[in-house]
Amino acid sequence: MSLRGLAGLSAALVLAAGSARAQSSVDRITWLAGDTAAASGSGARPSDRLLDWLTARLPGITHERIVANAKRSWTLIERGDPVCHASAVRSPQREALAYFSNTWPMPPLQLIVRRERAAALPVDAAGQVDLPALLADPRLQGVIVHGRSYGAALDAALAQADGASSRMRRVTAGDFGSNLVPMLLQARADYAFEYPNALAALLRSRPEVVGLAALPIKGVVEPVVSGVACPRTPWGQTAIRRIDAALGTPEGAALLRDILMTELPPDTRRQYREAFDAFFQRRSQPTPGL
């Protein structure tokens, strides 16, 4: 190679190195949040409590918050934009697109159904819904949020149910799916899926929610882990490491535990106490290998 060629290659490498450094520099984070006060037992969004705390512990970073639905959020993350999701369910598909720092182990989702339709559900002697039988029943119309993850077990079953003959309707929501409850109440759908705290929180502001029931789903027993998610880019890795360093402390774990406990009914807290204890013990330290 000529001297001129070597000089050109050297200049290109310098520019590339400079570009990589610029990409991994984090001076601003646009935060995506999909939860709403309607789903919160405290009247405040869990993501806002988390971000208020993180903002004070990430000096030198400007923080902007926007509400984005699941579909839009993951389009931005997959594109590699300098954004982070404040509370995203982890899944193998999403881990291919984003770095995660765990925040909460949510109890398994339940089936939400209009009480007058509950007798039509395939339920075993223990009161658990037979999910494959439910999804195959042409008489029952389900509704889920487009782009939302419902955890590994439900995601796999719902993906298998997709098809021309499916009675599962996917809708776009402005948030995590607060528009699904009105659809159930108006008999525009028979059932949806939600966390145990959702109905209890909604009942305080919408008395008509008493017309809905929440049932456990057979085989759906593992907590659903959520976390902060940033794009799988140099920028995203730098951002998630700083975020994880703040969360991976006794103080960070205590905050996350308090937020979760505020959101959940007492019986759910008791049922999953051991799992929660183990999770937050791990969360009190930085994530290994991140």
C-alpha atoms as a PDB file:
ATOM      1  CA  MET A   1       0.000   0.000   0.000  1.00  0.00           C
ATOM      2  CA  SER A   2       1.254   3.482  -0.860  1.00  0.00           C
ATOM      3  CA  LEU A   3       2.064   6.133   1.729  1.00  0.00           C
ATOM      4  CA  ARG A   4      -1.004   8.035   0.556  1.00  0.00           C
ATOM      5  CA  GLY A   5      -3.116   4.910   1.043  1.00  0.00           C
ATOM      6  CA  LEU A   6      -1.700   4.362   4.505  1.00  0.00           C
ATOM      7  CA  ALA A   7      -2.414   7.972   5.417  1.00  0.00           C
ATOM      8  CA  GLY A   8      -5.983   7.619   4.172  1.00  0.00           C
ATOM      9  CA  LEU A   9      -6.486   4.399   6.154  1.00  0.00           C
ATOM     10  CA  SER A  10      -5.042   6.008   9.265  1.00  0.00           C
ATOM     11  CA  ALA A  11      -7.386   8.969   8.936  1.00  0.00           C
ATOM     12  CA  ALA A  12     -10.350   6.640   8.456  1.00  0.00           C
ATOM     13  CA  LEU A  13      -9.423   4.678  11.583  1.00  0.00           C
ATOM     14  CA  VAL A  14      -9.121   7.878  13.603  1.00  0.00           C
ATOM     15  CA  LEU A  15     -12.546   8.998  12.400  1.00  0.00           C
ATOM     16  CA  ALA A  16     -14.040   5.587  13.187  1.00  0.00           C
ATOM     17  CA  ALA A  17     -12.558   5.626  16.679  1.00  0.00           C
ATOM     18  CA  GLY A  18     -13.900   9.117  17.238  1.00  0.00           C
ATOM     19  CA  SER A  19     -17.329   8.025  16.011  1.00  0.00           C
ATOM     20  CA  ALA A  20     -17.329   5.026  18.373  1.00  0.00           C
ATOM     21  CA  ARG A  21     -16.402   7.247  21.311  1.00  0.00           C
ATOM     22  CA  ALA A  22     -19.180   9.676  20.381  1.00  0.00           C
ATOM     23  CA  GLN A  23     -21.721   6.855  20.106  1.00  0.00           C
ATOM     24  CA  SER A  24     -20.829   5.505  23.547  1.00  0.00           C
ATOM     25  CA  SER A  25     -20.917   8.919  25.238  1.00  0.00           C
ATOM     26  CA  VAL A  26     -24.129   9.339  27.237  1.00  0.00           C
ATOM     27  CA  ASP A  27     -25.090  12.911  28.020  1.00  0.00           C
ATOM     28  CA  ARG A  28     -28.827  12.610  27.316  1.00  0.00           C
ATOM     29  CA  ILE A  29     -31.412   9.840  27.721  1.00  0.00           C
ATOM     30  CA  THR A  30     -34.925   9.948  26.321  1.00  0.00           C
ATOM     31  CA  TRP A  31     -36.985   7.747  28.612  1.00  0.00           C
ATOM     32  CA  LEU A  32     -39.918   5.770  27.254  1.00  0.00           C
ATOM     33  CA  ALA A  33     -42.711   4.892  29.672  1.00  0.00           C
ATOM     34  CA  GLY A  34     -45.816   2.886  28.931  1.00  0.00           C
ATOM     35  CA  ASP A  35     -47.392   2.562  32.357  1.00  0.00           C
ATOM     36  CA  THR A  36     -50.076   4.927  33.604  1.00  0.00           C
ATOM     37  CA  ALA A  37     -51.444   6.120  36.920  1.00  0.00           C
ATOM     38  CA  ALA A  38     -54.568   4.040  36.217  1.00  0.00           C
ATOM     39  CA  ALA A  39     -52.545   0.882  36.829  1.00  0.00           C
ATOM     40  CA  SER A  40     -50.913   2.112  39.971  1.00  0.00           C
ATOM     41  CA  GLY A  41     -52.031   1.526  43.514  1.00  0.00           C
ATOM     42  CA  SER A  42     -50.355   4.756  44.605  1.00  0.00           C
ATOM     43  CA  GLY A  43     -51.864   7.068  41.985  1.00  0.00           C
ATOM     44  CA  ALA A  44     -48.386   7.779  40.610  1.00  0.00           C
ATOM     45  CA  ARG A  45     -46.698   6.023  37.724  1.00  0.00           C
ATOM     46  CA  PRO A  46     -44.105   3.496  38.926  1.00  0.00           C
ATOM     47  CA  SER A  47     -41.802   4.620  36.113  1.00  0.00           C
ATOM     48  CA  ASP A  48     -41.936   8.224  37.349  1.00  0.00           C
ATOM     49  CA  ARG A  49     -40.892   7.187  40.851  1.00  0.00           C
ATOM     50  CA  LEU A  50     -38.017   5.189  39.385  1.00  0.00           C
ATOM     51  CA  LEU A  51     -36.901   7.975  37.043  1.00  0.00           C
ATOM     52  CA  ASP A  52     -37.087  10.648  39.733  1.00  0.00           C
ATOM     53  CA  TRP A  53     -34.691   8.534  41.775  1.00  0.00           C
ATOM     54  CA  LEU A  54     -32.357   7.705  38.873  1.00  0.00           C
ATOM     55  CA  THR A  55     -32.180  11.296  37.638  1.00  0.00           C
ATOM     56  CA  ALA A  56     -30.671  12.415  40.938  1.00  0.00           C
ATOM     57  CA  ARG A  57     -28.035   9.657  40.710  1.00  0.00           C
ATOM     58  CA  LEU A  58     -26.931  10.047  37.099  1.00  0.00           C
ATOM     59  CA  PRO A  59     -25.083  13.381  37.086  1.00  0.00           C
ATOM     60  CA  GLY A  60     -24.137  14.932  33.763  1.00  0.00           C
ATOM     61  CA  ILE A  61     -27.081  13.387  31.914  1.00  0.00           C
ATOM     62  CA  THR A  62     -30.116  15.307  30.670  1.00  0.00           C
ATOM     63  CA  HIS A  63     -33.307  13.269  31.066  1.00  0.00           C
ATOM     64  CA  GLU A  64     -36.407  13.613  28.904  1.00  0.00           C
ATOM     65  CA  ARG A  65     -39.556  11.570  29.465  1.00  0.00           C
ATOM     66  CA  ILE A  66     -42.152  10.622  26.884  1.00  0.00           C
ATOM     67  CA  VAL A  67     -45.075   8.189  26.941  1.00  0.00           C
ATOM     68  CA  ALA A  68     -44.827   5.629  24.148  1.00  0.00           C
ATOM     69  CA  ASN A  69     -46.776   2.463  23.503  1.00  0.00           C
ATOM     70  CA  ALA A  70     -45.051  -0.907  23.228  1.00  0.00           C
ATOM     71  CA  LYS A  71     -44.930  -0.991  19.432  1.00  0.00           C
ATOM     72  CA  ARG A  72     -43.396   2.492  19.134  1.00  0.00           C
ATOM     73  CA  SER A  73     -40.945   1.908  21.998  1.00  0.00           C
ATOM     74  CA  TRP A  74     -39.474  -1.228  20.478  1.00  0.00           C
ATOM     75  CA  THR A  75     -39.275   0.319  17.024  1.00  0.00           C
ATOM     76  CA  LEU A  76     -37.051   3.059  18.488  1.00  0.00           C
ATOM     77  CA  ILE A  77     -34.943   0.593  20.487  1.00  0.00           C
ATOM     78  CA  GLU A  78     -34.470  -1.753  17.533  1.00  0.00           C
ATOM     79  CA  ARG A  79     -33.436   1.242  15.416  1.00  0.00           C
ATOM     80  CA  GLY A  80     -30.721   2.050  17.960  1.00  0.00           C
ATOM     81  CA  ASP A  81     -32.017   5.484  18.953  1.00  0.00           C
ATOM     82  CA  PRO A  82     -30.585   6.951  22.209  1.00  0.00           C
ATOM     83  CA  VAL A  83     -33.644   5.935  24.237  1.00  0.00           C
ATOM     84  CA  CYS A  84     -34.236   3.657  27.217  1.00  0.00           C
ATOM     85  CA  HIS A  85     -37.485   2.025  28.301  1.00  0.00           C
ATOM     86  CA  ALA A  86     -38.216   2.549  31.970  1.00  0.00           C
ATOM     87  CA  SER A  87     -40.031  -0.751  32.553  1.00  0.00           C
ATOM     88  CA  ALA A  88     -39.975  -3.415  29.851  1.00  0.00           C
ATOM     89  CA  VAL A  89     -40.771  -7.107  30.194  1.00  0.00           C
ATOM     90  CA  ARG A  90     -37.728  -9.245  29.415  1.00  0.00           C
ATOM     91  CA  SER A  91     -37.940 -11.895  26.702  1.00  0.00           C
ATOM     92  CA  PRO A  92     -35.376 -13.665  24.510  1.00  0.00           C
ATOM     93  CA  GLN A  93     -36.582 -11.676  21.500  1.00  0.00           C
ATOM     94  CA  ARG A  94     -36.133  -8.367  23.310  1.00  0.00           C
ATOM     95  CA  GLU A  95     -32.762  -9.343  24.763  1.00  0.00           C
ATOM     96  CA  ALA A  96     -31.493  -9.614  21.183  1.00  0.00           C
ATOM     97  CA  LEU A  97     -32.358  -5.924  20.735  1.00  0.00           C
ATOM     98  CA  ALA A  98     -31.560  -4.404  24.122  1.00  0.00           C
ATOM     99  CA  TYR A  99     -29.411  -4.494  27.248  1.00  0.00           C
ATOM    100  CA  PHE A 100     -31.439  -4.935  30.446  1.00  0.00           C
ATOM    101  CA  SER A 101     -31.045  -3.987  34.084  1.00  0.00           C
ATOM    102  CA  ASN A 102     -33.695  -5.807  36.115  1.00  0.00           C
ATOM    103  CA  THR A 103     -36.171  -3.813  38.178  1.00  0.00           C
ATOM    104  CA  TRP A 104     -39.230  -5.871  39.206  1.00  0.00           C
ATOM    105  CA  PRO A 105     -40.455  -9.482  39.343  1.00  0.00           C
ATOM    106  CA  MET A 106     -44.156  -9.088  38.593  1.00  0.00           C
ATOM    107  CA  PRO A 107     -46.559 -11.872  39.621  1.00  0.00           C
ATOM    108  CA  PRO A 108     -47.929 -13.921  36.711  1.00  0.00           C
ATOM    109  CA  LEU A 109     -50.625 -12.276  34.655  1.00  0.00           C
ATOM    110  CA  GLN A 110     -54.218 -13.371  35.165  1.00  0.00           C
ATOM    111  CA  LEU A 111     -57.173 -13.688  32.836  1.00  0.00           C
ATOM    112  CA  ILE A 112     -59.577 -10.749  33.115  1.00  0.00           C
ATOM    113  CA  VAL A 113     -63.110 -11.617  32.061  1.00  0.00           C
ATOM    114  CA  ARG A 114     -66.625 -10.229  32.293  1.00  0.00           C
ATOM    115  CA  ARG A 115     -68.321 -12.068  35.139  1.00  0.00           C
ATOM    116  CA  GLU A 116     -71.272 -13.139  33.013  1.00  0.00           C
ATOM    117  CA  ARG A 117     -68.867 -14.819  30.580  1.00  0.00           C
ATOM    118  CA  ALA A 118     -66.820 -16.624  33.256  1.00  0.00           C
ATOM    119  CA  ALA A 119     -69.072 -19.704  33.130  1.00  0.00           C
ATOM    120  CA  ALA A 120     -68.173 -20.173  29.451  1.00  0.00           C
ATOM    121  CA  LEU A 121     -64.447 -20.470  30.193  1.00  0.00           C
ATOM    122  CA  PRO A 122     -62.610 -23.811  30.261  1.00  0.00           C
ATOM    123  CA  VAL A 123     -61.677 -23.940  33.959  1.00  0.00           C
ATOM    124  CA  ASP A 124     -60.362 -26.889  35.989  1.00  0.00           C
ATOM    125  CA  ALA A 125     -61.373 -27.946  39.507  1.00  0.00           C
ATOM    126  CA  ALA A 126     -58.804 -25.564  41.012  1.00  0.00           C
ATOM    127  CA  GLY A 127     -60.350 -22.606  39.206  1.00  0.00           C
ATOM    128  CA  GLN A 128     -57.466 -22.263  36.717  1.00  0.00           C
ATOM    129  CA  VAL A 129     -58.107 -21.402  33.083  1.00  0.00           C
ATOM    130  CA  ASP A 130     -57.035 -23.968  30.458  1.00  0.00           C
ATOM    131  CA  LEU A 131     -55.253 -21.573  28.091  1.00  0.00           C
ATOM    132  CA  PRO A 132     -54.976 -23.770  24.953  1.00  0.00           C
ATOM    133  CA  ALA A 133     -58.674 -24.648  25.209  1.00  0.00           C
ATOM    134  CA  LEU A 134     -59.567 -20.998  25.744  1.00  0.00           C
ATOM    135  CA  LEU A 135     -57.592 -19.809  22.718  1.00  0.00           C
ATOM    136  CA  ALA A 136     -59.161 -22.523  20.556  1.00  0.00           C
ATOM    137  CA  ASP A 137     -62.751 -21.651  21.543  1.00  0.00           C
ATOM    138  CA  PRO A 138     -64.390 -19.766  18.625  1.00  0.00           C
ATOM    139  CA  ARG A 139     -67.131 -18.424  20.903  1.00  0.00           C
ATOM    140  CA  LEU A 140     -64.761 -16.307  22.980  1.00  0.00           C
ATOM    141  CA  GLN A 141     -63.093 -13.094  21.778  1.00  0.00           C
ATOM    142  CA  GLY A 142     -59.793 -12.163  23.404  1.00  0.00           C
ATOM    143  CA  VAL A 143     -57.936  -8.869  23.158  1.00  0.00           C
ATOM    144  CA  ILE A 144     -54.243  -8.051  23.691  1.00  0.00           C
ATOM    145  CA  VAL A 145     -51.959  -5.077  23.034  1.00  0.00           C
ATOM    146  CA  HIS A 146     -49.926  -5.091  19.841  1.00  0.00           C
ATOM    147  CA  GLY A 147     -46.214  -5.159  20.664  1.00  0.00           C
ATOM    148  CA  ARG A 148     -46.640  -5.844  24.382  1.00  0.00           C
ATOM    149  CA  SER A 149     -44.897  -8.827  25.979  1.00  0.00           C
ATOM    150  CA  TYR A 150     -46.961 -10.851  28.433  1.00  0.00           C
ATOM    151  CA  GLY A 151     -44.058 -12.989  29.612  1.00  0.00           C
ATOM    152  CA  ALA A 152     -42.498 -16.065  28.025  1.00  0.00           C
ATOM    153  CA  ALA A 153     -45.307 -18.566  28.739  1.00  0.00           C
ATOM    154  CA  LEU A 154     -48.153 -16.370  27.508  1.00  0.00           C
ATOM    155  CA  ASP A 155     -46.198 -14.952  24.563  1.00  0.00           C
ATOM    156  CA  ALA A 156     -45.535 -18.454  23.223  1.00  0.00           C
ATOM    157  CA  ALA A 157     -49.177 -19.493  23.540  1.00  0.00           C
ATOM    158  CA  LEU A 158     -50.474 -16.276  21.983  1.00  0.00           C
ATOM    159  CA  ALA A 159     -48.061 -16.570  19.054  1.00  0.00           C
ATOM    160  CA  GLN A 160     -49.367 -20.079  18.340  1.00  0.00           C
ATOM    161  CA  ALA A 161     -52.929 -18.754  18.426  1.00  0.00           C
ATOM    162  CA  ASP A 162     -52.272 -16.206  15.666  1.00  0.00           C
ATOM    163  CA  GLY A 163     -53.822 -17.007  12.315  1.00  0.00           C
ATOM    164  CA  ALA A 164     -56.757 -16.356  10.055  1.00  0.00           C
ATOM    165  CA  SER A 165     -59.165 -18.258  12.330  1.00  0.00           C
ATOM    166  CA  SER A 166     -57.875 -16.739  15.561  1.00  0.00           C
ATOM    167  CA  ARG A 167     -60.344 -15.065  17.900  1.00  0.00           C
ATOM    168  CA  MET A 168     -57.521 -13.045  19.444  1.00  0.00           C
ATOM    169  CA  ARG A 169     -57.630  -9.372  18.531  1.00  0.00           C
ATOM    170  CA  ARG A 170     -54.475  -7.262  18.740  1.00  0.00           C
ATOM    171  CA  VAL A 171     -55.048  -3.559  19.321  1.00  0.00           C
ATOM    172  CA  THR A 172     -52.716  -0.567  19.480  1.00  0.00           C
ATOM    173  CA  ALA A 173     -52.826   1.246  22.804  1.00  0.00           C
ATOM    174  CA  GLY A 174     -51.378   4.577  23.870  1.00  0.00           C
ATOM    175  CA  ASP A 175     -49.890   2.906  26.956  1.00  0.00           C
ATOM    176  CA  PHE A 176     -49.645  -0.587  28.427  1.00  0.00           C
ATOM    177  CA  GLY A 177     -53.294  -1.308  27.548  1.00  0.00           C
ATOM    178  CA  SER A 178     -55.634   0.641  29.827  1.00  0.00           C
ATOM    179  CA  ASN A 179     -58.119   0.806  26.935  1.00  0.00           C
ATOM    180  CA  LEU A 180     -58.735  -2.953  27.178  1.00  0.00           C
ATOM    181  CA  VAL A 181     -60.837  -2.752  30.356  1.00  0.00           C
ATOM    182  CA  PRO A 182     -63.418  -0.447  28.707  1.00  0.00           C
ATOM    183  CA  MET A 183     -63.560  -2.905  25.800  1.00  0.00           C
ATOM    184  CA  LEU A 184     -64.444  -5.700  28.214  1.00  0.00           C
ATOM    185  CA  LEU A 185     -67.004  -3.608  30.073  1.00  0.00           C
ATOM    186  CA  GLN A 186     -68.649  -2.624  26.771  1.00  0.00           C
ATOM    187  CA  ALA A 187     -68.799  -6.296  25.670  1.00  0.00           C
ATOM    188  CA  ARG A 188     -66.488  -5.604  22.720  1.00  0.00           C
ATOM    189  CA  ALA A 189     -64.301  -8.481  23.958  1.00  0.00           C
ATOM    190  CA  ASP A 190     -64.695 -11.328  26.416  1.00  0.00           C
ATOM    191  CA  TYR A 191     -61.278 -11.483  28.063  1.00  0.00           C
ATOM    192  CA  ALA A 192     -57.836  -9.887  28.345  1.00  0.00           C
ATOM    193  CA  PHE A 193     -54.668 -10.478  30.402  1.00  0.00           C
ATOM    194  CA  GLU A 194     -53.389  -8.249  33.204  1.00  0.00           C
ATOM    195  CA  TYR A 195     -51.377  -8.192  36.443  1.00  0.00           C
ATOM    196  CA  PRO A 196     -53.157  -8.788  39.780  1.00  0.00           C
ATOM    197  CA  ASN A 197     -52.958  -5.161  40.868  1.00  0.00           C
ATOM    198  CA  ALA A 198     -54.644  -3.716  37.773  1.00  0.00           C
ATOM    199  CA  LEU A 199     -58.278  -4.354  38.661  1.00  0.00           C
ATOM    200  CA  ALA A 200     -57.804  -3.346  42.299  1.00  0.00           C
ATOM    201  CA  ALA A 201     -56.317  -0.019  41.218  1.00  0.00           C
ATOM    202  CA  LEU A 202     -58.991   0.642  38.604  1.00  0.00           C
ATOM    203  CA  LEU A 203     -61.789  -0.202  41.006  1.00  0.00           C
ATOM    204  CA  ARG A 204     -60.972   2.856  43.105  1.00  0.00           C
ATOM    205  CA  SER A 205     -61.790   5.218  40.227  1.00  0.00           C
ATOM    206  CA  ARG A 206     -64.193   3.071  38.174  1.00  0.00           C
ATOM    207  CA  PRO A 207     -66.820   1.234  40.273  1.00  0.00           C
ATOM    208  CA  GLU A 208     -68.093  -0.581  37.181  1.00  0.00           C
ATOM    209  CA  VAL A 209     -64.887  -2.652  37.183  1.00  0.00           C
ATOM    210  CA  VAL A 210     -66.620  -4.810  39.843  1.00  0.00           C
ATOM    211  CA  GLY A 211     -68.247  -6.482  36.826  1.00  0.00           C
ATOM    212  CA  LEU A 212     -64.900  -8.079  35.906  1.00  0.00           C
ATOM    213  CA  ALA A 213     -63.201 -11.096  37.469  1.00  0.00           C
ATOM    214  CA  ALA A 214     -59.518 -12.132  37.541  1.00  0.00           C
ATOM    215  CA  LEU A 215     -58.693 -15.851  37.199  1.00  0.00           C
ATOM    216  CA  PRO A 216     -55.352 -17.714  37.411  1.00  0.00           C
ATOM    217  CA  ILE A 217     -54.070 -19.392  34.250  1.00  0.00           C
ATOM    218  CA  LYS A 218     -52.934 -23.007  34.416  1.00  0.00           C
ATOM    219  CA  GLY A 219     -49.189 -23.354  33.856  1.00  0.00           C
ATOM    220  CA  VAL A 220     -48.539 -19.597  34.091  1.00  0.00           C
ATOM    221  CA  VAL A 221     -46.844 -19.530  37.499  1.00  0.00           C
ATOM    222  CA  GLU A 222     -43.441 -17.867  37.126  1.00  0.00           C
ATOM    223  CA  PRO A 223     -42.989 -14.164  37.943  1.00  0.00           C
ATOM    224  CA  VAL A 224     -42.533 -11.919  34.904  1.00  0.00           C
ATOM    225  CA  VAL A 225     -39.257  -9.997  35.185  1.00  0.00           C
ATOM    226  CA  SER A 226     -39.133  -6.455  33.872  1.00  0.00           C
ATOM    227  CA  GLY A 227     -36.260  -4.013  33.684  1.00  0.00           C
ATOM    228  CA  VAL A 228     -34.797  -0.882  32.195  1.00  0.00           C
ATOM    229  CA  ALA A 229     -33.959  -1.567  28.546  1.00  0.00           C
ATOM    230  CA  CYS A 230     -31.499   0.362  26.355  1.00  0.00           C
ATOM    231  CA  PRO A 231     -30.539  -0.407  22.715  1.00  0.00           C
ATOM    232  CA  ARG A 232     -27.891  -3.051  22.034  1.00  0.00           C
ATOM    233  CA  THR A 233     -25.414  -0.421  20.808  1.00  0.00           C
ATOM    234  CA  PRO A 234     -22.230   1.093  22.323  1.00  0.00           C
ATOM    235  CA  TRP A 235     -24.363   3.993  23.566  1.00  0.00           C
ATOM    236  CA  GLY A 236     -26.912   1.623  25.037  1.00  0.00           C
ATOM    237  CA  GLN A 237     -24.288  -0.453  26.815  1.00  0.00           C
ATOM    238  CA  THR A 238     -22.719   2.624  28.401  1.00  0.00           C
ATOM    239  CA  ALA A 239     -26.144   3.885  29.464  1.00  0.00           C
ATOM    240  CA  ILE A 240     -27.288   0.581  30.969  1.00  0.00           C
ATOM    241  CA  ARG A 241     -24.036   0.158  32.891  1.00  0.00           C
ATOM    242  CA  ARG A 242     -24.483   3.550  34.545  1.00  0.00           C
ATOM    243  CA  ILE A 243     -28.136   2.794  35.282  1.00  0.00           C
ATOM    244  CA  ASP A 244     -27.317  -0.663  36.663  1.00  0.00           C
ATOM    245  CA  ALA A 245     -24.557   0.729  38.863  1.00  0.00           C
ATOM    246  CA  ALA A 246     -27.137   2.992  40.521  1.00  0.00           C
ATOM    247  CA  LEU A 247     -29.803   0.295  40.861  1.00  0.00           C
ATOM    248  CA  GLY A 248     -27.343  -2.390  41.986  1.00  0.00           C
ATOM    249  CA  THR A 249     -27.021  -1.016  45.515  1.00  0.00           C
ATOM    250  CA  PRO A 250     -28.902  -1.643  48.768  1.00  0.00           C
ATOM    251  CA  GLU A 251     -30.522   1.767  48.318  1.00  0.00           C
ATOM    252  CA  GLY A 252     -31.597   0.967  44.764  1.00  0.00           C
ATOM    253  CA  ALA A 253     -33.001  -2.432  45.739  1.00  0.00           C
ATOM    254  CA  ALA A 254     -34.929  -0.852  48.627  1.00  0.00           C
ATOM    255  CA  LEU A 255     -36.499   1.702  46.290  1.00  0.00           C
ATOM    256  CA  LEU A 256     -37.540  -0.941  43.767  1.00  0.00           C
ATOM    257  CA  ARG A 257     -38.995  -3.160  46.494  1.00  0.00           C
ATOM    258  CA  ASP A 258     -40.993  -0.256  47.921  1.00  0.00           C
ATOM    259  CA  ILE A 259     -42.423   0.628  44.499  1.00  0.00           C
ATOM    260  CA  LEU A 260     -43.468  -2.978  43.859  1.00  0.00           C
ATOM    261  CA  MET A 261     -44.980  -3.523  47.304  1.00  0.00           C
ATOM    262  CA  THR A 262     -47.012  -0.323  46.940  1.00  0.00           C
ATOM    263  CA  GLU A 263     -48.496  -1.662  43.709  1.00  0.00           C
ATOM    264  CA  LEU A 264     -49.494  -5.159  44.832  1.00  0.00           C
ATOM    265  CA  PRO A 265     -52.430  -6.399  46.942  1.00  0.00           C
ATOM    266  CA  PRO A 266     -51.471  -7.854  50.359  1.00  0.00           C
ATOM    267  CA  ASP A 267     -52.349 -11.444  49.398  1.00  0.00           C
ATOM    268  CA  THR A 268     -50.073 -11.268  46.342  1.00  0.00           C
ATOM    269  CA  ARG A 269     -47.213  -9.905  48.458  1.00  0.00           C
ATOM    270  CA  ARG A 270     -47.588 -12.829  50.866  1.00  0.00           C
ATOM    271  CA  GLN A 271     -47.854 -15.440  48.098  1.00  0.00           C
ATOM    272  CA  TYR A 272     -44.634 -14.364  46.358  1.00  0.00           C
ATOM    273  CA  ARG A 273     -42.659 -13.157  49.377  1.00  0.00           C
ATOM    274  CA  GLU A 274     -39.811 -15.677  49.027  1.00  0.00           C
ATOM    275  CA  ALA A 275     -39.382 -14.968  45.310  1.00  0.00           C
ATOM    276  CA  PHE A 276     -39.376 -11.226  45.973  1.00  0.00           C
ATOM    277  CA  ASP A 277     -36.831 -11.561  48.791  1.00  0.00           C
ATOM    278  CA  ALA A 278     -34.439 -13.521  46.565  1.00  0.00           C
ATOM    279  CA  PHE A 279     -34.858 -11.104  43.660  1.00  0.00           C
ATOM    280  CA  PHE A 280     -34.116  -7.964  45.662  1.00  0.00           C
ATOM    281  CA  GLN A 281     -31.185  -9.591  47.436  1.00  0.00           C
ATOM    282  CA  ARG A 282     -29.593 -10.087  43.994  1.00  0.00           C
ATOM    283  CA  ARG A 283     -30.668  -6.602  42.936  1.00  0.00           C
ATOM    284  CA  SER A 284     -28.727  -5.003  45.795  1.00  0.00           C
ATOM    285  CA  GLN A 285     -25.548  -5.607  43.776  1.00  0.00           C
ATOM    286  CA  PRO A 286     -24.550  -4.721  40.178  1.00  0.00           C
ATOM    287  CA  THR A 287     -25.524  -7.235  37.493  1.00  0.00           C
ATOM    288  CA  PRO A 288     -22.579  -9.594  36.796  1.00  0.00           C
ATOM    289  CA  GLY A 289     -21.170  -9.431  33.269  1.00  0.00           C
ATOM    290  CA  LEU A 290     -23.309  -6.516  32.089  1.00  0.00           C
END
